[in-house]
Amino acid sequence: KQRIQECTVADVKARLDRGEPMHFLDVREDHEFAKDHAKGAR
C-alpha cells in the first residue's frame, strides 16, 4: 500500500457515472464474483 495508489468506492462510482475510460476489475475468486460483484466490473 505504500507503493500503490488507492481510491475510495465513491471515487470509483463517480468515475463510472462520468463514463471515464477505465478497466474495473474484480480480482476475487470465481465463486465470489459469481455470487455478486460491483455493477460493470469484469
PDB file of all heavy atoms in Angstrom:
ATOM      1  N   LYS A   1       0.813  -1.216   0.000  1.00  0.00           N
ATOM      2  CA  LYS A   1       0.000   0.000   0.000  1.00  0.00           C
ATOM      3  C   LYS A   1       0.848   1.268   0.000  1.00  0.00           C
ATOM      4  O   LYS A   1       0.390   2.323  -0.433  1.00  0.00           O
ATOM      5  CB  LYS A   1      -0.967   0.008   1.186  1.00  0.00           C
ATOM      6  CG  LYS A   1      -2.139  -0.937   0.983  1.00  0.00           C
ATOM      7  CD  LYS A   1      -3.130  -0.830   2.124  1.00  0.00           C
ATOM      8  CE  LYS A   1      -4.349  -1.684   1.866  1.00  0.00           C
ATOM      9  NZ  LYS A   1      -5.423  -1.402   2.832  1.00  0.00           N
ATOM     10  N   GLN A   2       2.085   1.173   0.454  1.00  0.00           N
ATOM     11  CA  GLN A   2       2.977   2.331   0.422  1.00  0.00           C
ATOM     12  C   GLN A   2       3.485   2.601  -0.991  1.00  0.00           C
ATOM     13  O   GLN A   2       3.990   3.686  -1.273  1.00  0.00           O
ATOM     14  CB  GLN A   2       4.162   2.109   1.365  1.00  0.00           C
ATOM     15  CG  GLN A   2       3.758   2.081   2.814  1.00  0.00           C
ATOM     16  CD  GLN A   2       4.896   1.683   3.737  1.00  0.00           C
ATOM     17  OE1 GLN A   2       6.053   1.648   3.338  1.00  0.00           O
ATOM     18  NE2 GLN A   2       4.561   1.366   4.976  1.00  0.00           N
ATOM     19  N   ARG A   3       3.354   1.613  -1.883  1.00  0.00           N
ATOM     20  CA  ARG A   3       3.907   1.740  -3.235  1.00  0.00           C
ATOM     21  C   ARG A   3       2.843   1.842  -4.324  1.00  0.00           C
ATOM     22  O   ARG A   3       3.177   1.910  -5.502  1.00  0.00           O
ATOM     23  CB  ARG A   3       4.810   0.534  -3.518  1.00  0.00           C
ATOM     24  CG  ARG A   3       6.050   0.500  -2.628  1.00  0.00           C
ATOM     25  CD  ARG A   3       7.002  -0.597  -3.035  1.00  0.00           C
ATOM     26  NE  ARG A   3       6.545  -1.928  -2.699  1.00  0.00           N
ATOM     27  CZ  ARG A   3       6.816  -2.569  -1.562  1.00  0.00           C
ATOM     28  NH1 ARG A   3       7.543  -1.985  -0.641  1.00  0.00           N
ATOM     29  NH2 ARG A   3       6.374  -3.786  -1.356  1.00  0.00           N
ATOM     30  N   ILE A   4       1.577   1.837  -3.928  1.00  0.00           N
ATOM     31  CA  ILE A   4       0.496   1.875  -4.918  1.00  0.00           C
ATOM     32  C   ILE A   4      -0.424   3.058  -4.652  1.00  0.00           C
ATOM     33  O   ILE A   4      -0.315   3.713  -3.628  1.00  0.00           O
ATOM     34  CB  ILE A   4      -0.338   0.571  -4.890  1.00  0.00           C
ATOM     35  CG1 ILE A   4      -1.052   0.435  -3.541  1.00  0.00           C
ATOM     36  CG2 ILE A   4       0.530  -0.637  -5.222  1.00  0.00           C
ATOM     37  CD1 ILE A   4      -2.232  -0.489  -3.553  1.00  0.00           C
ATOM     38  N   GLN A   5      -1.346   3.273  -5.591  1.00  0.00           N
ATOM     39  CA  GLN A   5      -2.402   4.268  -5.398  1.00  0.00           C
ATOM     40  C   GLN A   5      -3.658   3.557  -4.913  1.00  0.00           C
ATOM     41  O   GLN A   5      -3.957   2.447  -5.366  1.00  0.00           O
ATOM     42  CB  GLN A   5      -2.751   4.938  -6.719  1.00  0.00           C
ATOM     43  CG  GLN A   5      -1.714   5.860  -7.270  1.00  0.00           C
ATOM     44  CD  GLN A   5      -2.254   6.502  -8.539  1.00  0.00           C
ATOM     45  OE1 GLN A   5      -3.257   7.208  -8.507  1.00  0.00           O
ATOM     46  NE2 GLN A   5      -1.596   6.228  -9.644  1.00  0.00           N
ATOM     47  N   GLU A   6      -4.386   4.206  -4.029  1.00  0.00           N
ATOM     48  CA  GLU A   6      -5.692   3.707  -3.613  1.00  0.00           C
ATOM     49  C   GLU A   6      -6.713   4.815  -3.834  1.00  0.00           C
ATOM     50  O   GLU A   6      -6.375   5.987  -3.888  1.00  0.00           O
ATOM     51  CB  GLU A   6      -5.693   3.329  -2.127  1.00  0.00           C
ATOM     52  CG  GLU A   6      -4.987   2.040  -1.817  1.00  0.00           C
ATOM     53  CD  GLU A   6      -5.193   1.632  -0.367  1.00  0.00           C
ATOM     54  OE1 GLU A   6      -4.695   2.347   0.529  1.00  0.00           O
ATOM     55  OE2 GLU A   6      -5.851   0.608  -0.138  1.00  0.00           O
ATOM     56  N   CYS A   7      -7.969   4.409  -3.956  1.00  0.00           N
ATOM     57  CA  CYS A   7      -9.058   5.374  -4.044  1.00  0.00           C
ATOM     58  C   CYS A   7     -10.239   4.809  -3.263  1.00  0.00           C
ATOM     59  O   CYS A   7     -10.252   3.647  -2.888  1.00  0.00           O
ATOM     60  CB  CYS A   7      -9.435   5.643  -5.493  1.00  0.00           C
ATOM     61  SG  CYS A   7     -10.193   4.238  -6.323  1.00  0.00           S
ATOM     62  N   THR A   8     -11.233   5.650  -3.054  1.00  0.00           N
ATOM     63  CA  THR A   8     -12.420   5.220  -2.323  1.00  0.00           C
ATOM     64  C   THR A   8     -13.462   4.654  -3.285  1.00  0.00           C
ATOM     65  O   THR A   8     -13.385   4.874  -4.498  1.00  0.00           O
ATOM     66  CB  THR A   8     -13.050   6.398  -1.561  1.00  0.00           C
ATOM     67  OG1 THR A   8     -13.571   7.326  -2.521  1.00  0.00           O
ATOM     68  CG2 THR A   8     -12.049   7.073  -0.638  1.00  0.00           C
ATOM     69  N   VAL A   9     -14.447   3.972  -2.740  1.00  0.00           N
ATOM     70  CA  VAL A   9     -15.547   3.474  -3.568  1.00  0.00           C
ATOM     71  C   VAL A   9     -16.311   4.647  -4.191  1.00  0.00           C
ATOM     72  O   VAL A   9     -16.769   4.550  -5.328  1.00  0.00           O
ATOM     73  CB  VAL A   9     -16.495   2.535  -2.789  1.00  0.00           C
ATOM     74  CG1 VAL A   9     -15.770   1.264  -2.371  1.00  0.00           C
ATOM     75  CG2 VAL A   9     -17.121   3.215  -1.592  1.00  0.00           C
ATOM     76  N   ALA A  10     -16.417   5.755  -3.476  1.00  0.00           N
ATOM     77  CA  ALA A  10     -17.099   6.938  -4.016  1.00  0.00           C
ATOM     78  C   ALA A  10     -16.351   7.483  -5.234  1.00  0.00           C
ATOM     79  O   ALA A  10     -16.974   7.914  -6.210  1.00  0.00           O
ATOM     80  CB  ALA A  10     -17.236   8.011  -2.941  1.00  0.00           C
ATOM     81  N   ASP A  11     -15.014   7.442  -5.183  1.00  0.00           N
ATOM     82  CA  ASP A  11     -14.214   7.874  -6.338  1.00  0.00           C
ATOM     83  C   ASP A  11     -14.518   7.004  -7.552  1.00  0.00           C
ATOM     84  O   ASP A  11     -14.698   7.509  -8.663  1.00  0.00           O
ATOM     85  CB  ASP A  11     -12.712   7.777  -6.043  1.00  0.00           C
ATOM     86  CG  ASP A  11     -12.228   8.746  -4.986  1.00  0.00           C
ATOM     87  OD1 ASP A  11     -12.846   9.818  -4.814  1.00  0.00           O
ATOM     88  OD2 ASP A  11     -11.205   8.424  -4.329  1.00  0.00           O
ATOM     89  N   VAL A  12     -14.570   5.697  -7.335  1.00  0.00           N
ATOM     90  CA  VAL A  12     -14.828   4.766  -8.442  1.00  0.00           C
ATOM     91  C   VAL A  12     -16.226   4.987  -9.003  1.00  0.00           C
ATOM     92  O   VAL A  12     -16.417   5.075 -10.223  1.00  0.00           O
ATOM     93  CB  VAL A  12     -14.644   3.300  -8.005  1.00  0.00           C
ATOM     94  CG1 VAL A  12     -14.995   2.353  -9.145  1.00  0.00           C
ATOM     95  CG2 VAL A  12     -13.221   3.062  -7.520  1.00  0.00           C
ATOM     96  N   LYS A  13     -17.209   5.099  -8.127  1.00  0.00           N
ATOM     97  CA  LYS A  13     -18.591   5.306  -8.566  1.00  0.00           C
ATOM     98  C   LYS A  13     -18.699   6.587  -9.383  1.00  0.00           C
ATOM     99  O   LYS A  13     -19.357   6.621 -10.436  1.00  0.00           O
ATOM    100  CB  LYS A  13     -19.521   5.362  -7.351  1.00  0.00           C
ATOM    101  CG  LYS A  13     -20.983   5.623  -7.675  1.00  0.00           C
ATOM    102  CD  LYS A  13     -21.653   4.439  -8.321  1.00  0.00           C
ATOM    103  CE  LYS A  13     -23.154   4.512  -8.354  1.00  0.00           C
ATOM    104  NZ  LYS A  13     -23.729   5.607  -9.106  1.00  0.00           N
ATOM    105  N   ALA A  14     -18.035   7.645  -8.949  1.00  0.00           N
ATOM    106  CA  ALA A  14     -18.069   8.919  -9.677  1.00  0.00           C
ATOM    107  C   ALA A  14     -17.423   8.764 -11.056  1.00  0.00           C
ATOM    108  O   ALA A  14     -17.945   9.287 -12.051  1.00  0.00           O
ATOM    109  CB  ALA A  14     -17.361  10.005  -8.866  1.00  0.00           C
ATOM    110  N   ARG A  15     -16.330   8.041 -11.144  1.00  0.00           N
ATOM    111  CA  ARG A  15     -15.669   7.805 -12.440  1.00  0.00           C
ATOM    112  C   ARG A  15     -16.601   7.033 -13.371  1.00  0.00           C
ATOM    113  O   ARG A  15     -16.695   7.349 -14.560  1.00  0.00           O
ATOM    114  CB  ARG A  15     -14.380   7.014 -12.250  1.00  0.00           C
ATOM    115  CG  ARG A  15     -13.237   7.795 -11.658  1.00  0.00           C
ATOM    116  CD  ARG A  15     -12.062   6.833 -11.368  1.00  0.00           C
ATOM    117  NE  ARG A  15     -10.947   7.507 -10.779  1.00  0.00           N
ATOM    118  CZ  ARG A  15      -9.731   7.568 -11.318  1.00  0.00           C
ATOM    119  NH1 ARG A  15      -9.491   6.991 -12.476  1.00  0.00           N
ATOM    120  NH2 ARG A  15      -8.761   8.195 -10.710  1.00  0.00           N
ATOM    121  N   LEU A  16     -17.251   6.008 -12.829  1.00  0.00           N
ATOM    122  CA  LEU A  16     -18.186   5.216 -13.635  1.00  0.00           C
ATOM    123  C   LEU A  16     -19.354   6.083 -14.105  1.00  0.00           C
ATOM    124  O   LEU A  16     -19.747   6.019 -15.269  1.00  0.00           O
ATOM    125  CB  LEU A  16     -18.703   4.018 -12.837  1.00  0.00           C
ATOM    126  CG  LEU A  16     -17.695   2.901 -12.568  1.00  0.00           C
ATOM    127  CD1 LEU A  16     -18.249   1.920 -11.530  1.00  0.00           C
ATOM    128  CD2 LEU A  16     -17.323   2.173 -13.854  1.00  0.00           C
ATOM    129  N   ASP A  17     -19.890   6.888 -13.201  1.00  0.00           N
ATOM    130  CA  ASP A  17     -21.019   7.758 -13.549  1.00  0.00           C
ATOM    131  C   ASP A  17     -20.653   8.768 -14.634  1.00  0.00           C
ATOM    132  O   ASP A  17     -21.495   9.124 -15.459  1.00  0.00           O
ATOM    133  CB  ASP A  17     -21.537   8.500 -12.309  1.00  0.00           C
ATOM    134  CG  ASP A  17     -22.270   7.581 -11.341  1.00  0.00           C
ATOM    135  OD1 ASP A  17     -22.584   6.423 -11.705  1.00  0.00           O
ATOM    136  OD2 ASP A  17     -22.511   8.020 -10.192  1.00  0.00           O
ATOM    137  N   ARG A  18     -19.413   9.223 -14.627  1.00  0.00           N
ATOM    138  CA  ARG A  18     -18.946  10.178 -15.642  1.00  0.00           C
ATOM    139  C   ARG A  18     -18.572   9.481 -16.946  1.00  0.00           C
ATOM    140  O   ARG A  18     -18.295  10.150 -17.945  1.00  0.00           O
ATOM    141  CB  ARG A  18     -17.724  10.949 -15.127  1.00  0.00           C
ATOM    142  CG  ARG A  18     -18.027  11.964 -14.052  1.00  0.00           C
ATOM    143  CD  ARG A  18     -16.847  12.876 -13.772  1.00  0.00           C
ATOM    144  NE  ARG A  18     -15.653  12.177 -13.325  1.00  0.00           N
ATOM    145  CZ  ARG A  18     -15.308  11.995 -12.049  1.00  0.00           C
ATOM    146  NH1 ARG A  18     -16.086  12.453 -11.080  1.00  0.00           N
ATOM    147  NH2 ARG A  18     -14.201  11.370 -11.738  1.00  0.00           N
ATOM    148  N   GLY A  19     -18.519   8.148 -16.927  1.00  0.00           N
ATOM    149  CA  GLY A  19     -18.157   7.411 -18.126  1.00  0.00           C
ATOM    150  C   GLY A  19     -16.674   7.493 -18.464  1.00  0.00           C
ATOM    151  O   GLY A  19     -16.286   7.381 -19.627  1.00  0.00           O
ATOM    152  N   GLU A  20     -15.851   7.706 -17.450  1.00  0.00           N
ATOM    153  CA  GLU A  20     -14.406   7.785 -17.688  1.00  0.00           C
ATOM    154  C   GLU A  20     -13.897   6.467 -18.257  1.00  0.00           C
ATOM    155  O   GLU A  20     -14.322   5.389 -17.824  1.00  0.00           O
ATOM    156  CB  GLU A  20     -13.662   8.095 -16.384  1.00  0.00           C
ATOM    157  CG  GLU A  20     -13.824   9.505 -15.916  1.00  0.00           C
ATOM    158  CD  GLU A  20     -12.960   9.829 -14.705  1.00  0.00           C
ATOM    159  OE1 GLU A  20     -11.954   9.127 -14.454  1.00  0.00           O
ATOM    160  OE2 GLU A  20     -13.295  10.799 -14.003  1.00  0.00           O
ATOM    161  N   PRO A  21     -12.967   6.556 -19.201  1.00  0.00           N
ATOM    162  CA  PRO A  21     -12.392   5.320 -19.740  1.00  0.00           C
ATOM    163  C   PRO A  21     -11.509   4.648 -18.691  1.00  0.00           C
ATOM    164  O   PRO A  21     -10.572   5.256 -18.176  1.00  0.00           O
ATOM    165  CB  PRO A  21     -11.570   5.797 -20.939  1.00  0.00           C
ATOM    166  CG  PRO A  21     -11.331   7.250 -20.721  1.00  0.00           C
ATOM    167  CD  PRO A  21     -12.435   7.751 -19.849  1.00  0.00           C
ATOM    168  N   MET A  22     -11.877   3.431 -18.334  1.00  0.00           N
ATOM    169  CA  MET A  22     -11.128   2.686 -17.325  1.00  0.00           C
ATOM    170  C   MET A  22     -11.532   1.222 -17.371  1.00  0.00           C
ATOM    171  O   MET A  22     -12.573   0.880 -17.924  1.00  0.00           O
ATOM    172  CB  MET A  22     -11.388   3.242 -15.929  1.00  0.00           C
ATOM    173  CG  MET A  22     -12.847   3.171 -15.502  1.00  0.00           C
ATOM    174  SD  MET A  22     -13.112   3.856 -13.872  1.00  0.00           S
ATOM    175  CE  MET A  22     -13.900   2.488 -13.075  1.00  0.00           C
ATOM    176  N   HIS A  23     -10.704   0.410 -16.790  1.00  0.00           N
ATOM    177  CA  HIS A  23     -10.995  -1.012 -16.630  1.00  0.00           C
ATOM    178  C   HIS A  23     -11.262  -1.234 -15.150  1.00  0.00           C
ATOM    179  O   HIS A  23     -10.413  -0.909 -14.308  1.00  0.00           O
ATOM    180  CB  HIS A  23      -9.819  -1.859 -17.103  1.00  0.00           C
ATOM    181  CG  HIS A  23      -9.496  -1.655 -18.546  1.00  0.00           C
ATOM    182  ND1 HIS A  23     -10.130  -2.350 -19.547  1.00  0.00           N
ATOM    183  CD2 HIS A  23      -8.614  -0.822 -19.151  1.00  0.00           C
ATOM    184  CE1 HIS A  23      -9.648  -1.958 -20.708  1.00  0.00           C
ATOM    185  NE2 HIS A  23      -8.732  -1.029 -20.499  1.00  0.00           N
ATOM    186  N   PHE A  24     -12.417  -1.785 -14.838  1.00  0.00           N
ATOM    187  CA  PHE A  24     -12.845  -2.025 -13.455  1.00  0.00           C
ATOM    188  C   PHE A  24     -12.817  -3.533 -13.253  1.00  0.00           C
ATOM    189  O   PHE A  24     -13.659  -4.250 -13.786  1.00  0.00           O
ATOM    190  CB  PHE A  24     -14.246  -1.436 -13.286  1.00  0.00           C
ATOM    191  CG  PHE A  24     -14.780  -1.389 -11.878  1.00  0.00           C
ATOM    192  CD1 PHE A  24     -13.937  -1.269 -10.783  1.00  0.00           C
ATOM    193  CD2 PHE A  24     -16.145  -1.443 -11.663  1.00  0.00           C
ATOM    194  CE1 PHE A  24     -14.452  -1.196  -9.492  1.00  0.00           C
ATOM    195  CE2 PHE A  24     -16.683  -1.378 -10.386  1.00  0.00           C
ATOM    196  CZ  PHE A  24     -15.825  -1.255  -9.304  1.00  0.00           C
ATOM    197  N   LEU A  25     -11.809  -4.007 -12.508  1.00  0.00           N
ATOM    198  CA  LEU A  25     -11.584  -5.447 -12.392  1.00  0.00           C
ATOM    199  C   LEU A  25     -11.766  -5.961 -10.978  1.00  0.00           C
ATOM    200  O   LEU A  25     -11.199  -5.425 -10.021  1.00  0.00           O
ATOM    201  CB  LEU A  25     -10.160  -5.810 -12.834  1.00  0.00           C
ATOM    202  CG  LEU A  25      -9.771  -5.552 -14.280  1.00  0.00           C
ATOM    203  CD1 LEU A  25      -8.345  -6.020 -14.516  1.00  0.00           C
ATOM    204  CD2 LEU A  25     -10.733  -6.238 -15.228  1.00  0.00           C
ATOM    205  N   ASP A  26     -12.521  -7.033 -10.871  1.00  0.00           N
ATOM    206  CA  ASP A  26     -12.709  -7.778  -9.632  1.00  0.00           C
ATOM    207  C   ASP A  26     -11.664  -8.891  -9.632  1.00  0.00           C
ATOM    208  O   ASP A  26     -11.648  -9.733 -10.532  1.00  0.00           O
ATOM    209  CB  ASP A  26     -14.128  -8.362  -9.633  1.00  0.00           C
ATOM    210  CG  ASP A  26     -14.504  -9.074  -8.351  1.00  0.00           C
ATOM    211  OD1 ASP A  26     -13.663  -9.817  -7.805  1.00  0.00           O
ATOM    212  OD2 ASP A  26     -15.659  -8.920  -7.914  1.00  0.00           O
ATOM    213  N   VAL A  27     -10.788  -8.897  -8.641  1.00  0.00           N
ATOM    214  CA  VAL A  27      -9.716  -9.899  -8.593  1.00  0.00           C
ATOM    215  C   VAL A  27      -9.991 -11.011  -7.578  1.00  0.00           C
ATOM    216  O   VAL A  27      -9.103 -11.785  -7.246  1.00  0.00           O
ATOM    217  CB  VAL A  27      -8.327  -9.254  -8.334  1.00  0.00           C
ATOM    218  CG1 VAL A  27      -7.963  -8.295  -9.452  1.00  0.00           C
ATOM    219  CG2 VAL A  27      -8.267  -8.561  -6.981  1.00  0.00           C
ATOM    220  N   ARG A  28     -11.249 -11.104  -7.127  1.00  0.00           N
ATOM    221  CA  ARG A  28     -11.593 -12.157  -6.171  1.00  0.00           C
ATOM    222  C   ARG A  28     -11.664 -13.510  -6.885  1.00  0.00           C
ATOM    223  O   ARG A  28     -11.524 -13.613  -8.104  1.00  0.00           O
ATOM    224  CB  ARG A  28     -12.938 -11.845  -5.501  1.00  0.00           C
ATOM    225  CG  ARG A  28     -12.909 -10.559  -4.673  1.00  0.00           C
ATOM    226  CD  ARG A  28     -14.266 -10.215  -4.095  1.00  0.00           C
ATOM    227  NE  ARG A  28     -15.246 -10.065  -5.167  1.00  0.00           N
ATOM    228  CZ  ARG A  28     -16.559 -10.265  -5.027  1.00  0.00           C
ATOM    229  NH1 ARG A  28     -17.061 -10.626  -3.872  1.00  0.00           N
ATOM    230  NH2 ARG A  28     -17.372 -10.086  -6.049  1.00  0.00           N
ATOM    231  N   GLU A  29     -11.930 -14.543  -6.112  1.00  0.00           N
ATOM    232  CA  GLU A  29     -12.072 -15.891  -6.655  1.00  0.00           C
ATOM    233  C   GLU A  29     -13.345 -15.997  -7.502  1.00  0.00           C
ATOM    234  O   GLU A  29     -14.275 -15.207  -7.335  1.00  0.00           O
ATOM    235  CB  GLU A  29     -12.124 -16.916  -5.516  1.00  0.00           C
ATOM    236  CG  GLU A  29     -10.884 -16.938  -4.636  1.00  0.00           C
ATOM    237  CD  GLU A  29      -9.652 -17.402  -5.384  1.00  0.00           C
ATOM    238  OE1 GLU A  29      -9.743 -18.342  -6.209  1.00  0.00           O
ATOM    239  OE2 GLU A  29      -8.566 -16.827  -5.147  1.00  0.00           O
ATOM    240  N   ASP A  30     -13.379 -16.984  -8.382  1.00  0.00           N
ATOM    241  CA  ASP A  30     -14.525 -17.179  -9.280  1.00  0.00           C
ATOM    242  C   ASP A  30     -15.853 -17.237  -8.527  1.00  0.00           C
ATOM    243  O   ASP A  30     -16.818 -16.591  -8.923  1.00  0.00           O
ATOM    244  CB  ASP A  30     -14.363 -18.470 -10.088  1.00  0.00           C
ATOM    245  CG  ASP A  30     -13.212 -18.407 -11.074  1.00  0.00           C
ATOM    246  OD1 ASP A  30     -12.628 -17.326 -11.273  1.00  0.00           O
ATOM    247  OD2 ASP A  30     -12.891 -19.459 -11.654  1.00  0.00           O
ATOM    248  N   HIS A  31     -15.905 -18.029  -7.444  1.00  0.00           N
ATOM    249  CA  HIS A  31     -17.172 -18.195  -6.714  1.00  0.00           C
ATOM    250  C   HIS A  31     -17.606 -16.900  -6.035  1.00  0.00           C
ATOM    251  O   HIS A  31     -18.804 -16.631  -5.905  1.00  0.00           O
ATOM    252  CB  HIS A  31     -17.083 -19.346  -5.707  1.00  0.00           C
ATOM    253  CG  HIS A  31     -16.192 -19.060  -4.534  1.00  0.00           C
ATOM    254  ND1 HIS A  31     -14.811 -19.223  -4.588  1.00  0.00           N
ATOM    255  CD2 HIS A  31     -16.471 -18.611  -3.302  1.00  0.00           C
ATOM    256  CE1 HIS A  31     -14.289 -18.896  -3.417  1.00  0.00           C
ATOM    257  NE2 HIS A  31     -15.271 -18.510  -2.619  1.00  0.00           N
ATOM    258  N   GLU A  32     -16.657 -16.066  -5.623  1.00  0.00           N
ATOM    259  CA  GLU A  32     -17.004 -14.792  -5.014  1.00  0.00           C
ATOM    260  C   GLU A  32     -17.634 -13.864  -6.064  1.00  0.00           C
ATOM    261  O   GLU A  32     -18.639 -13.204  -5.796  1.00  0.00           O
ATOM    262  CB  GLU A  32     -15.756 -14.122  -4.427  1.00  0.00           C
ATOM    263  CG  GLU A  32     -15.159 -14.847  -3.238  1.00  0.00           C
ATOM    264  CD  GLU A  32     -13.860 -14.204  -2.800  1.00  0.00           C
ATOM    265  OE1 GLU A  32     -12.855 -14.315  -3.531  1.00  0.00           O
ATOM    266  OE2 GLU A  32     -13.865 -13.581  -1.712  1.00  0.00           O
ATOM    267  N   PHE A  33     -17.030 -13.808  -7.240  1.00  0.00           N
ATOM    268  CA  PHE A  33     -17.545 -12.963  -8.317  1.00  0.00           C
ATOM    269  C   PHE A  33     -18.926 -13.429  -8.759  1.00  0.00           C
ATOM    270  O   PHE A  33     -19.819 -12.611  -8.984  1.00  0.00           O
ATOM    271  CB  PHE A  33     -16.578 -12.979  -9.511  1.00  0.00           C
ATOM    272  CG  PHE A  33     -17.008 -12.092 -10.642  1.00  0.00           C
ATOM    273  CD1 PHE A  33     -16.759 -10.733 -10.613  1.00  0.00           C
ATOM    274  CD2 PHE A  33     -17.661 -12.609 -11.750  1.00  0.00           C
ATOM    275  CE1 PHE A  33     -17.147  -9.904 -11.657  1.00  0.00           C
ATOM    276  CE2 PHE A  33     -18.059 -11.792 -12.805  1.00  0.00           C
ATOM    277  CZ  PHE A  33     -17.800 -10.433 -12.755  1.00  0.00           C
ATOM    278  N   ALA A  34     -19.112 -14.748  -8.872  1.00  0.00           N
ATOM    279  CA  ALA A  34     -20.399 -15.291  -9.315  1.00  0.00           C
ATOM    280  C   ALA A  34     -21.514 -14.968  -8.324  1.00  0.00           C
ATOM    281  O   ALA A  34     -22.652 -14.713  -8.727  1.00  0.00           O
ATOM    282  CB  ALA A  34     -20.294 -16.804  -9.520  1.00  0.00           C
ATOM    283  N   LYS A  35     -21.187 -14.947  -7.041  1.00  0.00           N
ATOM    284  CA  LYS A  35     -22.192 -14.645  -6.020  1.00  0.00           C
ATOM    285  C   LYS A  35     -22.711 -13.220  -6.194  1.00  0.00           C
ATOM    286  O   LYS A  35     -23.911 -12.988  -6.245  1.00  0.00           O
ATOM    287  CB  LYS A  35     -21.595 -14.821  -4.626  1.00  0.00           C
ATOM    288  CG  LYS A  35     -22.569 -14.506  -3.515  1.00  0.00           C
ATOM    289  CD  LYS A  35     -21.929 -14.637  -2.156  1.00  0.00           C
ATOM    290  CE  LYS A  35     -22.892 -14.159  -1.092  1.00  0.00           C
ATOM    291  NZ  LYS A  35     -22.229 -13.951   0.192  1.00  0.00           N
ATOM    292  N   ASP A  36     -21.799 -12.257  -6.264  1.00  0.00           N
ATOM    293  CA  ASP A  36     -22.160 -10.874  -6.558  1.00  0.00           C
ATOM    294  C   ASP A  36     -20.891 -10.072  -6.806  1.00  0.00           C
ATOM    295  O   ASP A  36     -19.807 -10.447  -6.388  1.00  0.00           O
ATOM    296  CB  ASP A  36     -23.027 -10.236  -5.474  1.00  0.00           C
ATOM    297  CG  ASP A  36     -22.318  -9.996  -4.153  1.00  0.00           C
ATOM    298  OD1 ASP A  36     -21.132 -10.333  -4.016  1.00  0.00           O
ATOM    299  OD2 ASP A  36     -22.957  -9.456  -3.238  1.00  0.00           O
ATOM    300  N   HIS A  37     -21.065  -8.977  -7.521  1.00  0.00           N
ATOM    301  CA  HIS A  37     -19.939  -8.096  -7.838  1.00  0.00           C
ATOM    302  C   HIS A  37     -20.464  -6.707  -8.165  1.00  0.00           C
ATOM    303  O   HIS A  37     -21.659  -6.524  -8.397  1.00  0.00           O
ATOM    304  CB  HIS A  37     -19.101  -8.661  -9.000  1.00  0.00           C
ATOM    305  CG  HIS A  37     -19.899  -8.981 -10.215  1.00  0.00           C
ATOM    306  ND1 HIS A  37     -20.497 -10.207 -10.399  1.00  0.00           N
ATOM    307  CD2 HIS A  37     -20.233  -8.233 -11.293  1.00  0.00           C
ATOM    308  CE1 HIS A  37     -21.135 -10.202 -11.562  1.00  0.00           C
ATOM    309  NE2 HIS A  37     -20.999  -9.017 -12.115  1.00  0.00           N
ATOM    310  N   ALA A  38     -19.562  -5.754  -8.154  1.00  0.00           N
ATOM    311  CA  ALA A  38     -19.932  -4.380  -8.480  1.00  0.00           C
ATOM    312  C   ALA A  38     -20.420  -4.319  -9.925  1.00  0.00           C
ATOM    313  O   ALA A  38     -19.823  -4.932 -10.818  1.00  0.00           O
ATOM    314  CB  ALA A  38     -18.737  -3.459  -8.284  1.00  0.00           C
ATOM    315  N   LYS A  39     -21.507  -3.605 -10.130  1.00  0.00           N
ATOM    316  CA  LYS A  39     -22.062  -3.479 -11.479  1.00  0.00           C
ATOM    317  C   LYS A  39     -21.015  -2.872 -12.412  1.00  0.00           C
ATOM    318  O   LYS A  39     -20.401  -1.857 -12.096  1.00  0.00           O
ATOM    319  CB  LYS A  39     -23.322  -2.610 -11.459  1.00  0.00           C
ATOM    320  CG  LYS A  39     -23.998  -2.556 -12.799  1.00  0.00           C
ATOM    321  CD  LYS A  39     -25.305  -1.812 -12.761  1.00  0.00           C
ATOM    322  CE  LYS A  39     -25.909  -1.849 -14.155  1.00  0.00           C
ATOM    323  NZ  LYS A  39     -27.151  -1.145 -14.220  1.00  0.00           N
ATOM    324  N   GLY A  40     -20.834  -3.520 -13.545  1.00  0.00           N
ATOM    325  CA  GLY A  40     -19.888  -3.034 -14.540  1.00  0.00           C
ATOM    326  C   GLY A  40     -18.489  -3.599 -14.423  1.00  0.00           C
ATOM    327  O   GLY A  40     -17.654  -3.361 -15.285  1.00  0.00           O
ATOM    328  N   ALA A  41     -18.225  -4.338 -13.355  1.00  0.00           N
ATOM    329  CA  ALA A  41     -16.890  -4.902 -13.171  1.00  0.00           C
ATOM    330  C   ALA A  41     -16.714  -6.160 -14.018  1.00  0.00           C
ATOM    331  O   ALA A  41     -17.659  -6.908 -14.248  1.00  0.00           O
ATOM    332  CB  ALA A  41     -16.650  -5.243 -11.700  1.00  0.00           C
ATOM    333  N   ARG A  42     -15.496  -6.351 -14.479  1.00  0.00           N
ATOM    334  CA  ARG A  42     -15.129  -7.595 -15.152  1.00  0.00           C
ATOM    335  C   ARG A  42     -14.296  -8.415 -14.176  1.00  0.00           C
ATOM    336  O   ARG A  42     -13.706  -7.878 -13.245  1.00  0.00           O
ATOM    337  CB  ARG A  42     -14.311  -7.307 -16.415  1.00  0.00           C
ATOM    338  CG  ARG A  42     -15.164  -6.664 -17.493  1.00  0.00           C
ATOM    339  CD  ARG A  42     -14.434  -6.579 -18.806  1.00  0.00           C
ATOM    340  NE  ARG A  42     -13.288  -5.683 -18.684  1.00  0.00           N
ATOM    341  CZ  ARG A  42     -12.368  -5.529 -19.622  1.00  0.00           C
ATOM    342  NH1 ARG A  42     -12.418  -6.210 -20.733  1.00  0.00           N
ATOM    343  NH2 ARG A  42     -11.372  -4.678 -19.446  1.00  0.00           N
TER     344      ARG A  42
END
